Amino acid sequence: MAHWKLIVKPTKKLPAFFYENARGVQPVREWILGLTWDDRKLIGRGLQMVEFGWPLGMPYCRSLGAGLWEVRVNLTDGKIGRVIFCVSGQRMVLLHGFVKKTQETPQQDLLLARKRMKEVC
């Protein structure tokens, strides 16, 4: 007698979408593609944690206030990666990605993410 196993694939609670500007450029996607293979995998895992685990808090995700959130990823060679996103409907819109060099999130990175958020969220 054959035994069948039911395989249930988990569903994304908050699927990720790249912000796209008026020229069709996806800055976060380009930033990720510019990283090393290992760092791309780490960023992908971090995004996946949020997609499947939303709502998710520290240490993977943190609110930056005013509708902005960050995905927190430890990259190779001691670097720290951040992807800032907003939630629009049932989607995570990836607004800005960068390698963090200071303790606090730089103001210019927050301003850029807020500007993009106004366009989509």
N, C-alpha and C. Protein backbone atom coordinates (compact mmCIF):
# COMPACT_ATOMS: atom_id res chain seq x y z
N MET A 1 0.83 -1.17 0.00
CA MET A 1 0.00 0.00 0.00
C MET A 1 0.89 1.25 0.00
N ALA A 2 0.57 2.19 -0.87
CA ALA A 2 1.37 3.42 -0.99
C ALA A 2 0.96 4.42 0.09
N HIS A 3 1.95 5.11 0.62
CA HIS A 3 1.70 6.17 1.60
C HIS A 3 1.97 7.50 0.92
N TRP A 4 1.04 8.39 1.03
CA TRP A 4 1.19 9.70 0.43
C TRP A 4 1.45 10.72 1.52
N LYS A 5 2.32 11.61 1.23
CA LYS A 5 2.65 12.67 2.17
C LYS A 5 2.15 13.99 1.58
N LEU A 6 1.39 14.70 2.35
CA LEU A 6 0.90 16.00 1.90
C LEU A 6 1.98 17.04 2.19
N ILE A 7 2.42 17.72 1.16
CA ILE A 7 3.44 18.75 1.32
C ILE A 7 2.75 20.10 1.19
N VAL A 8 2.81 20.87 2.25
CA VAL A 8 2.19 22.19 2.25
C VAL A 8 3.29 23.24 2.17
N LYS A 9 3.25 24.01 1.11
CA LYS A 9 4.23 25.08 0.98
C LYS A 9 3.75 26.29 1.78
N PRO A 10 4.64 26.86 2.59
CA PRO A 10 4.22 28.05 3.33
C PRO A 10 3.97 29.20 2.36
N THR A 11 3.03 30.04 2.71
CA THR A 11 2.74 31.17 1.84
C THR A 11 3.36 32.44 2.42
N LYS A 12 3.71 33.33 1.53
CA LYS A 12 4.28 34.60 1.95
C LYS A 12 3.18 35.46 2.55
N LYS A 13 3.44 35.96 3.74
CA LYS A 13 2.48 36.84 4.40
C LYS A 13 2.60 38.26 3.86
N LEU A 14 3.80 38.62 3.43
CA LEU A 14 4.06 39.98 2.96
C LEU A 14 5.08 39.90 1.81
N PRO A 15 4.62 39.57 0.59
CA PRO A 15 5.57 39.42 -0.52
C PRO A 15 6.29 40.72 -0.84
N ALA A 16 7.56 40.59 -1.19
CA ALA A 16 8.41 41.75 -1.48
C ALA A 16 8.29 42.15 -2.95
N PHE A 17 8.25 43.46 -3.16
CA PHE A 17 8.26 44.05 -4.50
C PHE A 17 9.29 45.18 -4.50
N PHE A 18 9.98 45.32 -5.61
CA PHE A 18 10.97 46.39 -5.71
C PHE A 18 10.31 47.71 -6.08
N TYR A 19 10.70 48.79 -5.39
CA TYR A 19 10.32 50.13 -5.80
C TYR A 19 10.90 50.36 -7.19
N GLU A 20 10.13 50.99 -8.05
CA GLU A 20 10.59 51.28 -9.41
C GLU A 20 10.34 52.76 -9.69
N ASN A 21 11.37 53.48 -10.15
CA ASN A 21 11.18 54.90 -10.42
C ASN A 21 10.54 55.11 -11.79
N ALA A 22 10.32 56.36 -12.17
CA ALA A 22 9.61 56.69 -13.41
C ALA A 22 10.34 56.17 -14.65
N ARG A 23 11.64 55.98 -14.57
CA ARG A 23 12.43 55.47 -15.71
C ARG A 23 12.48 53.94 -15.74
N GLY A 24 11.81 53.31 -14.78
CA GLY A 24 11.80 51.85 -14.74
C GLY A 24 12.98 51.23 -14.02
N VAL A 25 13.77 52.05 -13.34
CA VAL A 25 14.94 51.57 -12.60
C VAL A 25 14.49 51.09 -11.22
N GLN A 26 15.02 49.94 -10.81
CA GLN A 26 14.74 49.38 -9.49
C GLN A 26 16.03 49.46 -8.67
N PRO A 27 16.21 50.59 -7.92
CA PRO A 27 17.48 50.83 -7.22
C PRO A 27 17.89 49.73 -6.23
N VAL A 28 16.94 49.18 -5.50
CA VAL A 28 17.30 48.14 -4.51
C VAL A 28 17.76 46.88 -5.23
N ARG A 29 17.09 46.54 -6.30
CA ARG A 29 17.49 45.35 -7.08
C ARG A 29 18.91 45.53 -7.62
N GLU A 30 19.19 46.73 -8.16
CA GLU A 30 20.54 47.00 -8.68
C GLU A 30 21.58 46.96 -7.57
N TRP A 31 21.23 47.50 -6.39
CA TRP A 31 22.15 47.48 -5.27
C TRP A 31 22.47 46.03 -4.87
N ILE A 32 21.43 45.19 -4.78
CA ILE A 32 21.62 43.79 -4.40
C ILE A 32 22.50 43.08 -5.44
N LEU A 33 22.24 43.32 -6.72
CA LEU A 33 23.03 42.66 -7.77
C LEU A 33 24.49 43.11 -7.76
N GLY A 34 24.78 44.27 -7.17
CA GLY A 34 26.15 44.76 -7.07
C GLY A 34 26.92 44.17 -5.90
N LEU A 35 26.24 43.44 -5.04
CA LEU A 35 26.89 42.81 -3.88
C LEU A 35 27.55 41.49 -4.29
N THR A 36 28.38 40.97 -3.42
CA THR A 36 28.98 39.66 -3.67
C THR A 36 27.89 38.59 -3.62
N TRP A 37 28.18 37.43 -4.18
CA TRP A 37 27.22 36.32 -4.18
C TRP A 37 26.78 35.98 -2.76
N ASP A 38 27.75 35.89 -1.84
CA ASP A 38 27.43 35.53 -0.46
C ASP A 38 26.54 36.59 0.20
N ASP A 39 26.83 37.87 -0.04
CA ASP A 39 26.02 38.93 0.54
C ASP A 39 24.62 38.95 -0.08
N ARG A 40 24.52 38.66 -1.37
CA ARG A 40 23.19 38.59 -2.01
C ARG A 40 22.34 37.50 -1.36
N LYS A 41 22.96 36.36 -1.08
CA LYS A 41 22.23 35.26 -0.42
C LYS A 41 21.77 35.69 0.97
N LEU A 42 22.61 36.39 1.71
CA LEU A 42 22.26 36.82 3.06
C LEU A 42 21.11 37.83 3.03
N ILE A 43 21.17 38.77 2.09
CA ILE A 43 20.07 39.75 1.95
C ILE A 43 18.79 39.00 1.57
N GLY A 44 18.89 38.07 0.66
CA GLY A 44 17.72 37.30 0.24
C GLY A 44 17.09 36.55 1.40
N ARG A 45 17.92 35.95 2.24
CA ARG A 45 17.40 35.24 3.42
C ARG A 45 16.71 36.19 4.39
N GLY A 46 17.30 37.37 4.57
CA GLY A 46 16.69 38.37 5.45
C GLY A 46 15.33 38.81 4.95
N LEU A 47 15.25 39.07 3.65
CA LEU A 47 13.97 39.46 3.06
C LEU A 47 12.95 38.34 3.17
N GLN A 48 13.41 37.13 2.96
CA GLN A 48 12.53 35.96 3.06
C GLN A 48 11.98 35.80 4.48
N MET A 49 12.81 36.06 5.48
CA MET A 49 12.35 35.97 6.87
C MET A 49 11.16 36.90 7.09
N VAL A 50 11.24 38.10 6.55
CA VAL A 50 10.15 39.07 6.72
C VAL A 50 8.94 38.65 5.88
N GLU A 51 9.17 38.21 4.65
CA GLU A 51 8.06 37.80 3.78
C GLU A 51 7.21 36.70 4.42
N PHE A 52 7.86 35.71 5.01
CA PHE A 52 7.14 34.56 5.57
C PHE A 52 6.77 34.73 7.04
N GLY A 53 7.48 35.63 7.75
CA GLY A 53 7.26 35.74 9.19
C GLY A 53 6.56 37.01 9.65
N TRP A 54 6.16 37.86 8.71
CA TRP A 54 5.56 39.14 9.07
C TRP A 54 4.32 38.96 9.94
N PRO A 55 4.12 39.75 10.99
CA PRO A 55 5.01 40.80 11.47
C PRO A 55 6.18 40.20 12.26
N LEU A 56 7.32 40.78 12.08
CA LEU A 56 8.56 40.25 12.65
C LEU A 56 9.33 41.40 13.29
N GLY A 57 9.87 41.16 14.45
CA GLY A 57 10.62 42.21 15.15
C GLY A 57 12.11 41.94 15.15
N MET A 58 12.76 42.49 16.16
CA MET A 58 14.20 42.35 16.30
C MET A 58 14.54 40.87 16.49
N PRO A 59 15.67 40.41 16.04
CA PRO A 59 16.75 41.17 15.43
C PRO A 59 16.65 41.28 13.90
N TYR A 60 15.58 40.75 13.31
CA TYR A 60 15.49 40.70 11.85
C TYR A 60 14.92 41.97 11.23
N CYS A 61 14.04 42.63 11.95
CA CYS A 61 13.29 43.73 11.38
C CYS A 61 13.04 44.77 12.48
N ARG A 62 13.03 46.05 12.09
CA ARG A 62 12.82 47.10 13.09
C ARG A 62 12.08 48.27 12.44
N SER A 63 11.17 48.86 13.19
CA SER A 63 10.45 50.04 12.72
C SER A 63 11.38 51.25 12.79
N LEU A 64 11.35 52.07 11.73
CA LEU A 64 12.10 53.32 11.72
C LEU A 64 11.15 54.49 11.95
N GLY A 65 9.87 54.19 12.14
CA GLY A 65 8.86 55.22 12.38
C GLY A 65 8.27 55.74 11.08
N ALA A 66 7.11 56.34 11.19
CA ALA A 66 6.41 56.98 10.06
C ALA A 66 6.19 56.03 8.89
N GLY A 67 5.96 54.73 9.18
CA GLY A 67 5.66 53.77 8.12
C GLY A 67 6.86 53.12 7.47
N LEU A 68 8.06 53.48 7.90
CA LEU A 68 9.27 52.85 7.35
C LEU A 68 9.75 51.74 8.28
N TRP A 69 10.26 50.67 7.67
CA TRP A 69 10.82 49.53 8.39
C TRP A 69 12.16 49.20 7.78
N GLU A 70 13.01 48.51 8.54
CA GLU A 70 14.27 48.06 7.97
C GLU A 70 14.44 46.57 8.20
N VAL A 71 14.97 45.90 7.17
CA VAL A 71 15.41 44.51 7.29
C VAL A 71 16.88 44.59 7.67
N ARG A 72 17.25 43.92 8.73
CA ARG A 72 18.60 43.99 9.28
C ARG A 72 19.36 42.71 8.94
N VAL A 73 20.50 42.87 8.26
CA VAL A 73 21.25 41.70 7.81
C VAL A 73 22.73 41.89 8.12
N ASN A 74 23.34 40.88 8.75
CA ASN A 74 24.79 40.87 8.93
C ASN A 74 25.41 40.26 7.69
N LEU A 75 26.23 41.03 7.01
CA LEU A 75 26.87 40.58 5.77
C LEU A 75 28.24 40.00 6.07
N THR A 76 28.95 39.60 5.03
CA THR A 76 30.29 39.05 5.20
C THR A 76 31.27 40.16 5.60
N ASP A 77 32.40 39.76 6.10
CA ASP A 77 33.49 40.67 6.48
C ASP A 77 33.06 41.72 7.51
N GLY A 78 32.08 41.39 8.35
CA GLY A 78 31.66 42.30 9.40
C GLY A 78 30.79 43.46 8.94
N LYS A 79 30.39 43.47 7.69
CA LYS A 79 29.55 44.56 7.18
C LYS A 79 28.10 44.36 7.64
N ILE A 80 27.36 45.46 7.64
CA ILE A 80 25.96 45.43 8.05
C ILE A 80 25.11 45.97 6.90
N GLY A 81 24.17 45.16 6.43
CA GLY A 81 23.29 45.57 5.34
C GLY A 81 21.91 45.94 5.87
N ARG A 82 21.30 46.92 5.23
CA ARG A 82 19.95 47.32 5.58
C ARG A 82 19.14 47.51 4.31
N VAL A 83 17.90 47.04 4.35
CA VAL A 83 16.94 47.30 3.29
C VAL A 83 15.75 47.98 3.95
N ILE A 84 15.46 49.21 3.53
CA ILE A 84 14.34 49.96 4.08
C ILE A 84 13.12 49.70 3.20
N PHE A 85 11.98 49.44 3.86
CA PHE A 85 10.76 49.16 3.11
C PHE A 85 9.55 49.80 3.78
N CYS A 86 8.46 49.86 3.03
CA CYS A 86 7.16 50.26 3.58
C CYS A 86 6.17 49.16 3.23
N VAL A 87 5.05 49.16 3.90
CA VAL A 87 4.00 48.19 3.61
C VAL A 87 2.89 48.93 2.88
N SER A 88 2.58 48.45 1.68
CA SER A 88 1.51 49.04 0.88
C SER A 88 0.53 47.92 0.54
N GLY A 89 -0.67 48.01 1.11
CA GLY A 89 -1.62 46.91 0.95
C GLY A 89 -1.06 45.69 1.65
N GLN A 90 -0.95 44.61 0.93
CA GLN A 90 -0.37 43.38 1.48
C GLN A 90 1.00 43.11 0.88
N ARG A 91 1.73 44.20 0.57
CA ARG A 91 3.05 44.05 -0.06
C ARG A 91 4.12 44.81 0.70
N MET A 92 5.32 44.25 0.69
CA MET A 92 6.50 44.92 1.22
C MET A 92 7.19 45.57 0.02
N VAL A 93 7.26 46.89 0.02
CA VAL A 93 7.89 47.60 -1.09
C VAL A 93 9.30 47.99 -0.67
N LEU A 94 10.30 47.42 -1.34
CA LEU A 94 11.71 47.65 -1.01
C LEU A 94 12.13 48.99 -1.59
N LEU A 95 12.39 49.96 -0.71
CA LEU A 95 12.62 51.34 -1.12
C LEU A 95 14.09 51.69 -1.28
N HIS A 96 14.95 51.18 -0.39
CA HIS A 96 16.35 51.60 -0.39
C HIS A 96 17.19 50.54 0.31
N GLY A 97 18.36 50.26 -0.24
CA GLY A 97 19.30 49.33 0.37
C GLY A 97 20.68 49.96 0.47
N PHE A 98 21.39 49.66 1.54
CA PHE A 98 22.72 50.23 1.72
C PHE A 98 23.51 49.42 2.74
N VAL A 99 24.82 49.61 2.73
CA VAL A 99 25.70 49.03 3.73
C VAL A 99 25.89 50.09 4.80
N LYS A 100 25.55 49.74 6.01
CA LYS A 100 25.57 50.68 7.13
C LYS A 100 26.99 50.84 7.65
N LYS A 101 27.42 52.09 7.82
CA LYS A 101 28.78 52.35 8.28
C LYS A 101 28.83 53.02 9.65
N THR A 102 27.67 53.47 10.15
CA THR A 102 27.61 54.14 11.44
C THR A 102 26.54 53.47 12.30
N GLN A 103 26.53 53.82 13.59
CA GLN A 103 25.56 53.24 14.51
C GLN A 103 24.13 53.60 14.12
N GLU A 104 23.90 54.89 13.83
CA GLU A 104 22.57 55.33 13.45
C GLU A 104 22.39 55.27 11.94
N THR A 105 21.14 55.13 11.51
CA THR A 105 20.84 55.15 10.08
C THR A 105 21.06 56.58 9.58
N PRO A 106 21.92 56.76 8.58
CA PRO A 106 22.21 58.12 8.08
C PRO A 106 20.94 58.82 7.59
N GLN A 107 20.85 60.12 7.88
CA GLN A 107 19.68 60.93 7.53
C GLN A 107 19.41 60.90 6.03
N GLN A 108 20.47 60.94 5.21
CA GLN A 108 20.26 60.94 3.75
C GLN A 108 19.59 59.66 3.28
N ASP A 109 19.88 58.53 3.92
CA ASP A 109 19.24 57.26 3.56
C ASP A 109 17.76 57.28 3.95
N LEU A 110 17.46 57.84 5.13
CA LEU A 110 16.07 57.94 5.57
C LEU A 110 15.27 58.89 4.66
N LEU A 111 15.87 60.02 4.29
CA LEU A 111 15.18 60.98 3.42
C LEU A 111 14.87 60.37 2.06
N LEU A 112 15.83 59.63 1.50
CA LEU A 112 15.62 58.98 0.21
C LEU A 112 14.49 57.95 0.30
N ALA A 113 14.50 57.16 1.35
CA ALA A 113 13.45 56.15 1.54
C ALA A 113 12.08 56.82 1.71
N ARG A 114 12.02 57.91 2.48
CA ARG A 114 10.75 58.62 2.67
C ARG A 114 10.23 59.20 1.36
N LYS A 115 11.14 59.75 0.56
CA LYS A 115 10.76 60.31 -0.75
C LYS A 115 10.14 59.22 -1.62
N ARG A 116 10.79 58.06 -1.67
CA ARG A 116 10.27 56.96 -2.48
C ARG A 116 8.95 56.42 -1.91
N MET A 117 8.85 56.40 -0.57
CA MET A 117 7.63 55.91 0.06
C MET A 117 6.44 56.77 -0.35
N LYS A 118 6.62 58.09 -0.44
CA LYS A 118 5.54 58.98 -0.82
C LYS A 118 5.00 58.66 -2.21
N GLU A 119 5.86 58.07 -3.06
CA GLU A 119 5.45 57.73 -4.41
C GLU A 119 4.60 56.45 -4.47
N VAL A 120 4.80 55.56 -3.50
CA VAL A 120 4.17 54.22 -3.62
C VAL A 120 3.26 53.82 -2.47
N CYS A 121 3.45 54.35 -1.29
CA CYS A 121 2.68 53.89 -0.13
C CYS A 121 1.60 54.89 0.26
